[in-house]
Amino acid sequence: MSNEDKAKATAKNIEGKAQEAMGKVTGDPEDKAEGKMKQGEAKARHTVENAKDKAKQAID
């Protein structure tokens, strides 16, 4: 996983967690849902990049 892609995915995860927490504090279900969605997107990005790393290792 490239450092840049990893940093972007981590930032998206943190952003999602913050948005979800804000939604809980304010009682806004849309913010909570968007935050969870961003966290899911970050997890998917990590999964894709990890698969790329494993494929590269298998080739090398």
C-alpha atoms as a PDB file:
ATOM      1  CA  MET A   1       0.000   0.000   0.000  1.00  0.00           C
ATOM      2  CA  SER A   2       1.484   3.321  -0.939  1.00  0.00           C
ATOM      3  CA  ASN A   3       1.937   5.735   1.916  1.00  0.00           C
ATOM      4  CA  GLU A   4      -0.199   8.354   0.175  1.00  0.00           C
ATOM      5  CA  ASP A   5      -3.116   5.951  -0.366  1.00  0.00           C
ATOM      6  CA  LYS A   6      -2.814   4.685   3.192  1.00  0.00           C
ATOM      7  CA  ALA A   7      -2.856   8.244   4.550  1.00  0.00           C
ATOM      8  CA  LYS A   8      -5.918   9.128   2.466  1.00  0.00           C
ATOM      9  CA  ALA A   9      -7.811   6.058   3.664  1.00  0.00           C
ATOM     10  CA  THR A  10      -6.856   6.746   7.268  1.00  0.00           C
ATOM     11  CA  ALA A  11      -7.928  10.383   6.942  1.00  0.00           C
ATOM     12  CA  LYS A  12     -11.273   9.294   5.472  1.00  0.00           C
ATOM     13  CA  ASN A  13     -11.754   6.898   8.391  1.00  0.00           C
ATOM     14  CA  ILE A  14     -10.997   9.622  10.952  1.00  0.00           C
ATOM     15  CA  GLU A  15     -13.310  12.022   9.142  1.00  0.00           C
ATOM     16  CA  GLY A  16     -16.055   9.407   9.224  1.00  0.00           C
ATOM     17  CA  LYS A  17     -15.594   8.706  12.914  1.00  0.00           C
ATOM     18  CA  ALA A  18     -15.737  12.425  13.713  1.00  0.00           C
ATOM     19  CA  GLN A  19     -18.855  12.911  11.622  1.00  0.00           C
ATOM     20  CA  GLU A  20     -20.547   9.914  13.210  1.00  0.00           C
ATOM     21  CA  ALA A  21     -19.694  11.223  16.686  1.00  0.00           C
ATOM     22  CA  MET A  22     -21.043  14.661  15.794  1.00  0.00           C
ATOM     23  CA  GLY A  23     -24.231  13.041  14.574  1.00  0.00           C
ATOM     24  CA  LYS A  24     -24.590  11.235  17.884  1.00  0.00           C
ATOM     25  CA  VAL A  25     -24.034  14.450  19.848  1.00  0.00           C
ATOM     26  CA  THR A  26     -26.451  16.514  17.769  1.00  0.00           C
ATOM     27  CA  GLY A  27     -28.933  13.690  17.256  1.00  0.00           C
ATOM     28  CA  ASP A  28     -28.633  13.991  13.473  1.00  0.00           C
ATOM     29  CA  PRO A  29     -29.149  10.536  11.925  1.00  0.00           C
ATOM     30  CA  GLU A  30     -27.913  11.737   8.516  1.00  0.00           C
ATOM     31  CA  ASP A  31     -24.533  12.732   9.956  1.00  0.00           C
ATOM     32  CA  LYS A  32     -24.272   9.402  11.750  1.00  0.00           C
ATOM     33  CA  ALA A  33     -25.072   7.523   8.541  1.00  0.00           C
ATOM     34  CA  GLU A  34     -22.643   9.576   6.438  1.00  0.00           C
ATOM     35  CA  GLY A  35     -19.917   9.018   9.014  1.00  0.00           C
ATOM     36  CA  LYS A  36     -20.445   5.274   8.943  1.00  0.00           C
ATOM     37  CA  MET A  37     -20.445   5.339   5.144  1.00  0.00           C
ATOM     38  CA  LYS A  38     -17.087   7.159   5.088  1.00  0.00           C
ATOM     39  CA  GLN A  39     -15.646   4.602   7.487  1.00  0.00           C
ATOM     40  CA  GLY A  40     -16.850   1.811   5.210  1.00  0.00           C
ATOM     41  CA  GLU A  41     -15.270   3.509   2.215  1.00  0.00           C
ATOM     42  CA  ALA A  42     -11.970   3.778   4.085  1.00  0.00           C
ATOM     43  CA  LYS A  43     -12.117   0.093   5.008  1.00  0.00           C
ATOM     44  CA  ALA A  44     -12.739  -0.806   1.356  1.00  0.00           C
ATOM     45  CA  ARG A  45      -9.772   1.309   0.252  1.00  0.00           C
ATOM     46  CA  HIS A  46      -7.534  -0.440   2.779  1.00  0.00           C
ATOM     47  CA  THR A  47      -8.758  -3.831   1.567  1.00  0.00           C
ATOM     48  CA  VAL A  48      -8.038  -3.000  -2.078  1.00  0.00           C
ATOM     49  CA  GLU A  49      -4.588  -1.660  -1.319  1.00  0.00           C
ATOM     50  CA  ASN A  50      -3.743  -4.663   0.850  1.00  0.00           C
ATOM     51  CA  ALA A  51      -4.788  -6.970  -2.001  1.00  0.00           C
ATOM     52  CA  LYS A  52      -2.513  -5.029  -4.359  1.00  0.00           C
ATOM     53  CA  ASP A  53       0.360  -5.432  -1.902  1.00  0.00           C
ATOM     54  CA  LYS A  54      -0.209  -9.192  -1.622  1.00  0.00           C
ATOM     55  CA  ALA A  55      -0.367  -9.550  -5.406  1.00  0.00           C
ATOM     56  CA  LYS A  56       2.861  -7.598  -5.785  1.00  0.00           C
ATOM     57  CA  GLN A  57       4.574  -9.745  -3.149  1.00  0.00           C
ATOM     58  CA  ALA A  58       3.427 -12.909  -4.910  1.00  0.00           C
ATOM     59  CA  ILE A  59       4.895 -11.691  -8.192  1.00  0.00           C
ATOM     60  CA  ASP A  60       8.213 -10.665  -6.632  1.00  0.00           C
END
